[in-house]
Amino acid sequence: MTVISRERQTQAQRALVVVFLIQGFVSAAIIPRVPDIIANIHVSFAHWGVISAFGTVGSAAGLFLANRALERFGVKHVGMVAFGIVGLGNASFGWITDSTLYFLVNFVVAVSMSVFVIAVNSQTVVLQTLSGRVIIGRFHAAWSAGAASSAAVSGFLAAILPVGIHLTLFTVVGLTAFYVVVRNLLNREEGLIAEANSGEKAVGWRRMPKRVYLLGIGLAVGVFPEAAMWDWSSVYGRDALGFDPTRAAIPYAFFAISMIVGRILIDIIGRKVHISLQAAIGGTVAAFAMTTSILVGPGLVVADPNSGLLVVSALWALAGLGTASMTPSFLSSASIVSGMSAAAALTRMSVMQTTMIFVMKWMMGQTAESAGIDQAYWFPVVTWVFAVIIAVIVVRLSHRHHANQVSSN
């Protein structure tokens, strides 16, 4: 049997950590500039919600394209092309002044990002299978680190750089670093070797186990709060809290930094606490923290802007810490689906996730337009609660799945 050396695996793992870091860095640069982009393309919050929601349609389209592209060209080449398109699209966002053009470019970027995400996550699955241990936490932590640093720096630059120059600069830096390290990922031949040795088989859509539906819903409600914070944090900071662009970016920076810490701790805590139980506890903490922020944050900011910013940032940091294990827990739970490979289960779950998030993003945009962004921010709280309920169910299913495996052996 052909094997991949431990040294080669380590090299690919290190490269993949950097790739996740760069992805977060490039993608998050837009967060503090959302109000500027909305102003540039002259749309209402409701229309912005529609544009954001249709991005999930592009993501769904990318899911169906990804598998064929990966089988034919491999992760490395697909990733290079897909992320190149993402970078060029992100750079153009700051220069576009027509809403229809922005809609089309955003759709193409969403398709390309979806293909890229499937590519790098499939590499994660392969490397994790080869290593024989859980390594997913480090990759998600790297993404969060890139996103947090980017949001923090971007918040500062928002006050001194035009949005077009800002996003173009971040794209140039990110793509340059990306094309240096991407060559160290596993190539197509190495990926085929690893998959051939895994012994896993995929099943058709019609034979999809019922647990995939539960996990798909869980993934959607687990991911949505993070996506909502990404899309609307700068608008919330400006309209609900009354901050300038630099200050409006600070709470999200705290949120993202806490997610980094939480994701680094996943594997350590996981030695004693099941990852789905971590998600259930974390989701409860996040829902409580954001509820408190919504209720008392604006009043504290009016009374004392500096103290209010500190309290809101602390509460968002607590929410970020609680959110950290959400996405990794539902992705890792693909292993409890009997009768199909983890990769196939992840693809099905992702399709369900993008469909549901489309609806939720649209609803949040409509609420922000009709009732205000402060009221729209109850959507993340509600979805955290649903994610907690599903995470508790997954804990029980996981124990049952492992008990069945032990009895069958």
Protein backbone atom coordinates (compact mmCIF):
# COMPACT_ATOMS: atom_id res chain seq x y z
CA MET A 1 0.00 0.00 0.00
CA THR A 2 1.35 3.46 -0.96
CA VAL A 3 1.69 5.83 2.01
CA ILE A 4 2.40 9.52 2.53
CA SER A 5 5.34 10.22 4.82
CA ARG A 6 4.89 11.88 8.20
CA GLU A 7 7.18 14.72 7.08
CA ARG A 8 5.01 15.37 4.03
CA GLN A 9 1.87 15.33 6.17
CA THR A 10 3.41 17.87 8.57
CA GLN A 11 4.41 20.12 5.69
CA ALA A 12 0.88 20.03 4.27
CA GLN A 13 -0.69 20.67 7.69
CA ARG A 14 1.48 23.74 8.27
CA ALA A 15 0.68 25.07 4.81
CA LEU A 16 -3.04 24.51 5.38
CA VAL A 17 -2.95 26.44 8.66
CA VAL A 18 -1.47 29.41 6.78
CA VAL A 19 -4.05 29.04 3.99
CA PHE A 20 -6.89 29.23 6.54
CA LEU A 21 -5.20 32.26 8.14
CA ILE A 22 -4.95 34.05 4.78
CA GLN A 23 -8.55 33.18 3.90
CA GLY A 24 -9.78 34.84 7.09
CA PHE A 25 -7.48 37.83 6.57
CA VAL A 26 -8.67 38.56 3.03
CA SER A 27 -12.35 37.81 3.63
CA ALA A 28 -12.76 39.82 6.85
CA ALA A 29 -11.31 43.04 5.45
CA ILE A 30 -14.77 43.95 4.17
CA ILE A 31 -16.48 43.81 7.59
CA PRO A 32 -15.85 47.41 8.79
CA ARG A 33 -16.49 48.72 5.26
CA VAL A 34 -20.01 47.32 4.83
CA PRO A 35 -21.65 50.71 5.56
CA ASP A 36 -19.38 52.32 2.94
CA ILE A 37 -20.25 49.66 0.36
CA ILE A 38 -23.99 50.00 1.07
CA ALA A 39 -23.63 53.75 0.55
CA ASN A 40 -21.60 53.27 -2.65
CA ILE A 41 -24.17 51.02 -4.32
CA HIS A 42 -27.15 53.02 -2.96
CA VAL A 43 -29.27 50.21 -1.48
CA SER A 44 -31.50 49.89 1.58
CA PHE A 45 -30.90 47.39 4.36
CA ALA A 46 -33.63 45.19 2.89
CA HIS A 47 -31.90 45.14 -0.50
CA TRP A 48 -28.55 44.52 1.17
CA GLY A 49 -30.10 41.55 2.98
CA VAL A 50 -31.27 40.17 -0.39
CA ILE A 51 -27.79 40.59 -1.88
CA SER A 52 -26.25 38.89 1.12
CA ALA A 53 -28.82 36.10 1.04
CA PHE A 54 -28.29 35.39 -2.66
CA GLY A 55 -24.64 34.93 -1.85
CA THR A 56 -25.73 31.71 -0.15
CA VAL A 57 -27.30 30.61 -3.43
CA GLY A 58 -23.91 31.07 -5.02
CA SER A 59 -22.41 29.05 -2.19
CA ALA A 60 -24.88 26.24 -2.86
CA ALA A 61 -24.01 26.29 -6.56
CA GLY A 62 -20.35 26.04 -5.64
CA LEU A 63 -21.01 22.92 -3.58
CA PHE A 64 -22.30 21.09 -6.65
CA LEU A 65 -19.32 22.22 -8.73
CA ALA A 66 -16.65 21.49 -6.14
CA ASN A 67 -16.63 17.68 -6.18
CA ARG A 68 -16.25 17.39 -9.95
CA ALA A 69 -13.52 20.02 -10.01
CA LEU A 70 -11.61 18.39 -7.15
CA GLU A 71 -11.80 14.94 -8.72
CA ARG A 72 -10.42 16.24 -11.99
CA PHE A 73 -7.85 18.83 -10.93
CA GLY A 74 -7.10 18.25 -7.23
CA VAL A 75 -7.23 20.55 -4.21
CA LYS A 76 -4.11 22.56 -4.99
CA HIS A 77 -5.09 23.72 -8.49
CA VAL A 78 -8.77 24.20 -7.67
CA GLY A 79 -7.83 26.21 -4.58
CA MET A 80 -5.44 28.43 -6.53
CA VAL A 81 -8.05 29.35 -9.13
CA ALA A 82 -10.99 29.67 -6.72
CA PHE A 83 -9.20 31.85 -4.18
CA GLY A 84 -7.75 33.99 -6.96
CA ILE A 85 -11.30 34.78 -8.09
CA VAL A 86 -12.33 35.47 -4.50
CA GLY A 87 -9.46 37.90 -4.05
CA LEU A 88 -10.17 39.78 -7.26
CA GLY A 89 -13.86 39.98 -6.37
CA ASN A 90 -13.15 41.30 -2.88
CA ALA A 91 -10.82 43.94 -4.30
CA SER A 92 -13.49 45.09 -6.75
CA PHE A 93 -16.15 45.50 -4.04
CA GLY A 94 -14.67 48.81 -2.97
CA TRP A 95 -14.86 50.29 -6.47
CA ILE A 96 -18.34 49.16 -7.56
CA THR A 97 -21.11 51.77 -7.51
CA ASP A 98 -23.89 49.83 -9.27
CA SER A 99 -26.01 47.47 -7.15
CA THR A 100 -26.69 45.04 -10.01
CA LEU A 101 -22.99 44.69 -10.79
CA TYR A 102 -22.25 44.22 -7.10
CA PHE A 103 -24.94 41.52 -6.92
CA LEU A 104 -23.35 39.63 -9.83
CA VAL A 105 -19.79 39.92 -8.54
CA ASN A 106 -20.88 38.90 -5.05
CA PHE A 107 -22.59 35.83 -6.53
CA VAL A 108 -19.43 34.81 -8.41
CA VAL A 109 -17.32 35.35 -5.29
CA ALA A 110 -19.74 33.21 -3.28
CA VAL A 111 -19.50 30.37 -5.83
CA SER A 112 -15.71 30.55 -5.84
CA MET A 113 -15.46 30.78 -2.06
CA SER A 114 -17.72 27.74 -1.69
CA VAL A 115 -15.51 25.74 -4.05
CA PHE A 116 -12.43 26.93 -2.17
CA VAL A 117 -13.90 26.05 1.24
CA ILE A 118 -14.84 22.54 0.09
CA ALA A 119 -11.34 22.14 -1.32
CA VAL A 120 -9.48 23.13 1.85
CA ASN A 121 -11.93 21.30 4.13
CA SER A 122 -11.54 18.13 2.08
CA GLN A 123 -7.78 18.50 2.57
CA THR A 124 -8.46 18.86 6.30
CA VAL A 125 -10.45 15.60 6.30
CA VAL A 126 -7.67 13.81 4.41
CA LEU A 127 -4.93 15.08 6.69
CA GLN A 128 -6.97 14.27 9.79
CA THR A 129 -7.56 10.73 8.52
CA LEU A 130 -3.85 10.31 7.82
CA SER A 131 -2.79 11.65 11.23
CA GLY A 132 -5.28 9.54 13.15
CA ARG A 133 -6.18 12.38 15.53
CA VAL A 134 -8.45 15.43 15.65
CA ILE A 135 -6.73 18.48 14.14
CA ILE A 136 -9.75 20.50 12.98
CA GLY A 137 -9.45 23.02 15.82
CA ARG A 138 -6.14 24.47 14.67
CA PHE A 139 -7.45 25.25 11.19
CA HIS A 140 -10.59 27.02 12.43
CA ALA A 141 -8.47 28.89 14.97
CA ALA A 142 -6.15 30.04 12.17
CA TRP A 143 -9.12 31.30 10.14
CA SER A 144 -10.45 33.19 13.16
CA ALA A 145 -7.00 34.66 13.81
CA GLY A 146 -6.82 35.94 10.24
CA ALA A 147 -10.35 37.35 10.43
CA ALA A 148 -9.79 39.03 13.81
CA SER A 149 -6.50 40.67 12.83
CA SER A 150 -7.99 41.79 9.53
CA ALA A 151 -11.11 43.26 11.15
CA ALA A 152 -9.02 45.10 13.74
CA VAL A 153 -6.60 46.60 11.21
CA SER A 154 -9.42 47.31 8.77
CA GLY A 155 -11.36 49.16 11.44
CA PHE A 156 -8.37 51.47 11.91
CA LEU A 157 -7.81 51.91 8.17
CA ALA A 158 -11.49 52.66 7.58
CA ALA A 159 -10.95 56.15 8.96
CA ILE A 160 -7.98 56.98 6.74
CA LEU A 161 -8.26 54.96 3.49
CA PRO A 162 -10.94 54.94 0.77
CA VAL A 163 -12.71 51.59 0.68
CA GLY A 164 -11.42 50.71 -2.80
CA ILE A 165 -7.75 51.19 -1.91
CA HIS A 166 -8.25 49.42 1.41
CA LEU A 167 -9.75 46.22 -0.02
CA THR A 168 -7.33 46.15 -2.95
CA LEU A 169 -4.34 46.43 -0.59
CA PHE A 170 -5.53 43.54 1.55
CA THR A 171 -6.16 41.41 -1.54
CA VAL A 172 -2.67 42.00 -2.93
CA VAL A 173 -1.02 41.11 0.38
CA GLY A 174 -3.23 38.06 0.93
CA LEU A 175 -2.94 36.59 -2.57
CA THR A 176 0.83 37.06 -2.62
CA ALA A 177 1.22 35.07 0.61
CA PHE A 178 -1.34 32.50 -0.51
CA TYR A 179 0.43 31.62 -3.76
CA VAL A 180 3.70 31.18 -1.85
CA VAL A 181 2.34 28.56 0.58
CA VAL A 182 -0.39 26.81 -1.45
CA ARG A 183 2.20 24.76 -3.37
CA ASN A 184 2.87 22.76 -0.18
CA LEU A 185 -0.67 21.33 0.03
CA LEU A 186 -1.22 17.72 -0.98
CA ASN A 187 -1.40 17.37 -4.75
CA ARG A 188 -4.05 15.42 -6.65
CA GLU A 189 -2.07 12.17 -6.66
CA GLU A 190 -1.39 12.34 -2.90
CA GLY A 191 -5.05 13.08 -2.22
CA LEU A 192 -6.11 10.05 -4.26
CA ILE A 193 -3.67 7.87 -2.31
CA ALA A 194 -5.10 9.03 1.02
CA GLU A 195 -8.72 8.57 -0.07
CA ALA A 196 -8.00 5.11 -1.48
CA ASN A 197 -6.56 4.07 1.87
CA SER A 198 -9.49 5.43 3.89
CA GLY A 199 -11.93 2.69 2.92
CA GLU A 200 -14.89 5.07 2.93
CA LYS A 201 -17.69 4.97 0.39
CA ALA A 202 -20.24 7.63 -0.49
CA VAL A 203 -23.96 7.00 -0.97
CA GLY A 204 -26.55 8.64 -3.22
CA TRP A 205 -28.78 11.51 -2.17
CA ARG A 206 -31.90 9.34 -2.06
CA ARG A 207 -30.32 6.98 0.46
CA MET A 208 -29.14 9.77 2.76
CA PRO A 209 -29.49 8.81 6.48
CA LYS A 210 -31.91 10.85 8.59
CA ARG A 211 -29.14 12.06 10.87
CA VAL A 212 -27.75 14.14 8.02
CA TYR A 213 -30.91 16.26 8.09
CA LEU A 214 -30.53 16.91 11.82
CA LEU A 215 -26.85 17.75 11.46
CA GLY A 216 -27.54 19.97 8.44
CA ILE A 217 -30.07 21.99 10.43
CA GLY A 218 -27.68 22.11 13.38
CA LEU A 219 -24.86 23.33 11.16
CA ALA A 220 -27.09 26.08 9.74
CA VAL A 221 -28.24 27.45 13.11
CA GLY A 222 -24.73 27.00 14.50
CA VAL A 223 -23.08 28.91 11.66
CA PHE A 224 -25.69 31.67 11.27
CA PRO A 225 -24.81 33.70 14.40
CA GLU A 226 -21.20 33.87 13.26
CA ALA A 227 -22.33 34.87 9.75
CA ALA A 228 -24.70 37.51 11.14
CA MET A 229 -21.93 39.05 13.24
CA TRP A 230 -19.77 39.08 10.12
CA ASP A 231 -22.39 40.74 7.91
CA TRP A 232 -23.95 43.23 10.31
CA SER A 233 -21.51 44.02 13.16
CA SER A 234 -20.25 47.28 11.67
CA VAL A 235 -23.82 48.41 10.85
CA TYR A 236 -24.92 47.53 14.40
CA GLY A 237 -21.97 49.44 15.85
CA ARG A 238 -22.83 52.50 13.76
CA ASP A 239 -26.64 52.57 13.98
CA ALA A 240 -27.47 50.88 17.30
CA LEU A 241 -24.43 52.06 19.27
CA GLY A 242 -23.59 55.28 17.42
CA PHE A 243 -19.88 54.58 16.93
CA ASP A 244 -17.54 55.77 14.19
CA PRO A 245 -16.17 53.05 11.81
CA THR A 246 -13.06 52.42 13.92
CA ARG A 247 -14.94 51.94 17.18
CA ALA A 248 -17.72 50.04 15.47
CA ALA A 249 -15.17 47.38 14.47
CA ILE A 250 -13.87 46.83 18.02
CA PRO A 251 -16.69 44.60 19.39
CA TYR A 252 -16.39 42.22 16.42
CA ALA A 253 -12.61 42.12 16.89
CA PHE A 254 -13.20 40.97 20.49
CA PHE A 255 -15.75 38.44 19.26
CA ALA A 256 -13.31 37.00 16.71
CA ILE A 257 -10.33 36.95 19.10
CA SER A 258 -12.40 35.01 21.63
CA MET A 259 -13.33 32.50 18.92
CA ILE A 260 -9.62 31.98 18.30
CA VAL A 261 -9.03 31.23 21.97
CA GLY A 262 -12.09 28.98 22.14
CA ARG A 263 -11.07 26.99 19.06
CA ILE A 264 -7.54 26.53 20.34
CA LEU A 265 -9.05 25.10 23.54
CA ILE A 266 -11.43 22.70 21.74
CA ASP A 267 -8.98 19.80 21.57
CA ILE A 268 -7.73 20.36 25.13
CA ILE A 269 -11.22 20.52 26.65
CA GLY A 270 -12.28 17.67 24.36
CA ARG A 271 -10.16 15.24 26.36
CA LYS A 272 -12.84 15.40 29.06
CA VAL A 273 -15.87 17.10 27.47
CA HIS A 274 -17.51 15.90 24.25
CA ILE A 275 -17.27 18.56 21.53
CA SER A 276 -21.07 18.64 21.06
CA LEU A 277 -21.50 19.24 24.79
CA GLN A 278 -18.99 22.06 24.46
CA ALA A 279 -21.22 23.50 21.73
CA ALA A 280 -24.35 23.18 23.90
CA ILE A 281 -22.73 24.96 26.85
CA GLY A 282 -21.06 27.52 24.61
CA GLY A 283 -24.27 28.32 22.74
CA THR A 284 -26.05 28.93 26.02
CA VAL A 285 -23.32 31.33 27.13
CA ALA A 286 -23.33 33.11 23.75
CA ALA A 287 -27.12 33.57 23.75
CA PHE A 288 -27.02 34.98 27.28
CA ALA A 289 -24.13 37.35 26.49
CA MET A 290 -25.71 38.72 23.31
CA THR A 291 -29.12 39.11 24.99
CA THR A 292 -27.47 41.19 27.71
CA SER A 293 -25.58 43.24 25.10
CA ILE A 294 -28.76 44.01 23.15
CA LEU A 295 -30.70 45.00 26.26
CA VAL A 296 -28.13 47.12 28.11
CA GLY A 297 -25.42 47.99 25.54
CA PRO A 298 -27.01 51.02 23.82
CA GLY A 299 -27.98 52.60 27.14
CA LEU A 300 -24.49 52.19 28.55
CA VAL A 301 -22.96 53.74 25.42
CA VAL A 302 -25.24 56.78 25.71
CA ALA A 303 -24.32 57.22 29.38
CA ASP A 304 -20.57 56.73 28.83
CA PRO A 305 -19.26 55.83 25.36
CA ASN A 306 -15.92 54.47 26.58
CA SER A 307 -17.35 52.33 29.37
CA GLY A 308 -20.21 51.24 27.12
CA LEU A 309 -17.77 50.14 24.42
CA LEU A 310 -15.79 48.18 27.00
CA VAL A 311 -18.88 46.38 28.34
CA VAL A 312 -20.26 45.60 24.87
CA SER A 313 -16.86 44.32 23.73
CA ALA A 314 -16.61 42.10 26.81
CA LEU A 315 -20.07 40.64 26.17
CA TRP A 316 -19.25 40.06 22.49
CA ALA A 317 -16.01 38.39 23.56
CA LEU A 318 -18.04 36.05 25.78
CA ALA A 319 -20.37 35.36 22.85
CA GLY A 320 -17.37 34.61 20.62
CA LEU A 321 -15.97 32.20 23.18
CA GLY A 322 -19.31 30.39 23.30
CA THR A 323 -19.61 30.33 19.52
CA ALA A 324 -16.13 28.85 19.01
CA SER A 325 -17.13 25.19 19.18
CA MET A 326 -20.40 25.51 17.22
CA THR A 327 -19.21 25.02 13.64
CA PRO A 328 -16.42 22.50 14.45
CA SER A 329 -18.81 20.42 16.56
CA PHE A 330 -21.42 19.95 13.82
CA LEU A 331 -18.75 19.35 11.17
CA SER A 332 -17.06 16.74 13.37
CA SER A 333 -20.43 15.08 14.03
CA ALA A 334 -20.51 13.90 10.42
CA SER A 335 -18.59 10.89 11.76
CA ILE A 336 -21.70 9.60 13.55
CA VAL A 337 -23.57 9.14 10.26
CA SER A 338 -23.55 5.43 9.53
CA GLY A 339 -23.63 4.15 5.97
CA MET A 340 -21.87 7.02 4.21
CA SER A 341 -18.48 8.69 4.20
CA ALA A 342 -17.82 11.78 6.32
CA ALA A 343 -16.99 13.78 3.19
CA ALA A 344 -20.32 12.89 1.57
CA ALA A 345 -22.20 13.73 4.76
CA LEU A 346 -20.42 17.09 4.98
CA THR A 347 -21.43 17.97 1.43
CA ARG A 348 -25.11 17.19 2.11
CA MET A 349 -25.01 19.11 5.38
CA SER A 350 -23.46 22.10 3.62
CA VAL A 351 -26.20 22.16 0.99
CA MET A 352 -28.86 22.20 3.71
CA GLN A 353 -26.94 24.86 5.60
CA THR A 354 -26.71 27.24 2.65
CA THR A 355 -30.40 26.83 1.87
CA MET A 356 -31.45 27.64 5.42
CA ILE A 357 -28.99 30.50 5.81
CA PHE A 358 -30.36 32.07 2.63
CA VAL A 359 -33.78 32.30 4.28
CA MET A 360 -32.40 33.50 7.61
CA LYS A 361 -30.22 36.18 6.02
CA TRP A 362 -33.16 37.43 4.01
CA MET A 363 -35.33 37.59 7.13
CA MET A 364 -32.65 39.44 9.08
CA GLY A 365 -32.25 41.98 6.28
CA GLN A 366 -36.00 42.57 6.16
CA THR A 367 -36.13 43.00 9.93
CA ALA A 368 -33.18 45.42 9.90
CA GLU A 369 -34.99 47.52 7.30
CA SER A 370 -38.43 47.51 8.91
CA ALA A 371 -37.66 47.43 12.63
CA GLY A 372 -34.00 48.42 12.92
CA ILE A 373 -30.71 46.59 13.27
CA ASP A 374 -31.12 46.41 17.05
CA GLN A 375 -34.23 44.25 16.63
CA ALA A 376 -32.65 42.19 13.84
CA TYR A 377 -29.90 41.14 16.22
CA TRP A 378 -32.37 38.91 18.06
CA PHE A 379 -32.01 36.47 15.14
CA PRO A 380 -28.55 35.29 16.26
CA VAL A 381 -29.86 34.80 19.79
CA VAL A 382 -32.75 32.62 18.58
CA THR A 383 -30.52 30.51 16.35
CA TRP A 384 -28.03 30.00 19.19
CA VAL A 385 -30.89 28.56 21.25
CA PHE A 386 -31.89 26.15 18.46
CA ALA A 387 -28.24 25.15 18.02
CA VAL A 388 -28.01 24.34 21.73
CA ILE A 389 -31.06 22.07 21.53
CA ILE A 390 -29.68 20.19 18.52
CA ALA A 391 -26.22 19.93 20.08
CA VAL A 392 -27.75 18.22 23.14
CA ILE A 393 -29.51 15.73 20.82
CA VAL A 394 -26.22 15.11 18.97
CA VAL A 395 -24.46 14.34 22.27
CA ARG A 396 -26.97 11.55 22.90
CA LEU A 397 -26.70 10.26 19.34
CA SER A 398 -22.91 10.26 19.58
CA HIS A 399 -22.95 8.18 22.76
CA ARG A 400 -25.39 5.76 21.12
CA HIS A 401 -23.28 5.58 17.95
CA HIS A 402 -20.08 4.81 19.84
CA ALA A 403 -21.89 2.28 22.06
CA ASN A 404 -23.14 0.47 18.96
CA GLN A 405 -19.60 0.45 17.52
CA VAL A 406 -18.23 -1.09 20.71
CA SER A 407 -20.97 -3.75 20.86
CA SER A 408 -20.47 -4.64 17.19
CA ASN A 409 -16.78 -5.15 17.81
